[in-house]
Structures are given as structure tokens and as C-alpha cells.
Amino acid sequence: PGQGALGIEICDGQPENQRIAEGLADDETSACVRAERAFSRRLGGSCHLPIAGFAVGEANRQLWLRGLVASVDGTQVMAGECRGAWANAEVLGRALAERLLAEGADVLITQLNHPLA
């Protein structure tokens, strides 16, 4: 969901524009984007780091987040997933990143950031 999400910026003090923008908001997409971004941010995500986060909204305002960290050539992949409430999207993203780091993704990321080390 994050790749197709749009952000809208409006001027402060324009309640009509605020009302229109709120009508375009989608809570499920927002929760998915927040989870994916929190995952990426905690891992130090950039255009050069092969990581992926993909969140999907489920029934009862639940979220399913899957994430991975890979080597540049794809021979090493560390993946995980978690589920939780939309309201806890950022917590889910950070928690999944922390779990992968604890399982060794930190070593893989260090190698990616310092290929000659």
C-alpha cells in the first residue's frame, strides 16, 4: 500500500479544504503506510539498502506486516512478520525491525553499508 499512497498538504485556517481532505483519507492505507515506514526507518532504510516492508489491512482493523532484509545479490534473506491493531502500526513496524536486527539483520546491514569491512 505505501508505494501507491498519496499525501495532501493544505493551508492552515481553511476549514473547507480540511473537510475535503479528511473525506479522502483512508484509515487502512494510513495504518499500512505508518507500519511500513516505521519498519524502514528503524532499519535505516534508503534507496541503497535491500529491505522490504509490506502491510495489509485485515478484518477487525488488524494489520499484517511482512518485512525482510536481503544481501545485494539476494543470497541471504532474513524475513519476518507480525500482526496487530491498526492503532499500533508504528509499534508493529519497529517491533518487526527490532526482531530482525536481533536475529542478525544488523550484521547484514553493516555489511551492506560497509562492503569492504
Foldseek 3Di string as FASTA:
>chain_A
DQVPDDDDDDDPPDVVVVVVVVVVDDLQVVLQNLLFVLLCVLLVHDPQFPKGWGWGADPPQKIKIKMWGAAPVRPDIDIDIDMDHSVCSNVRSNVRNVVSVVVPVVVRSVCSVPVVD
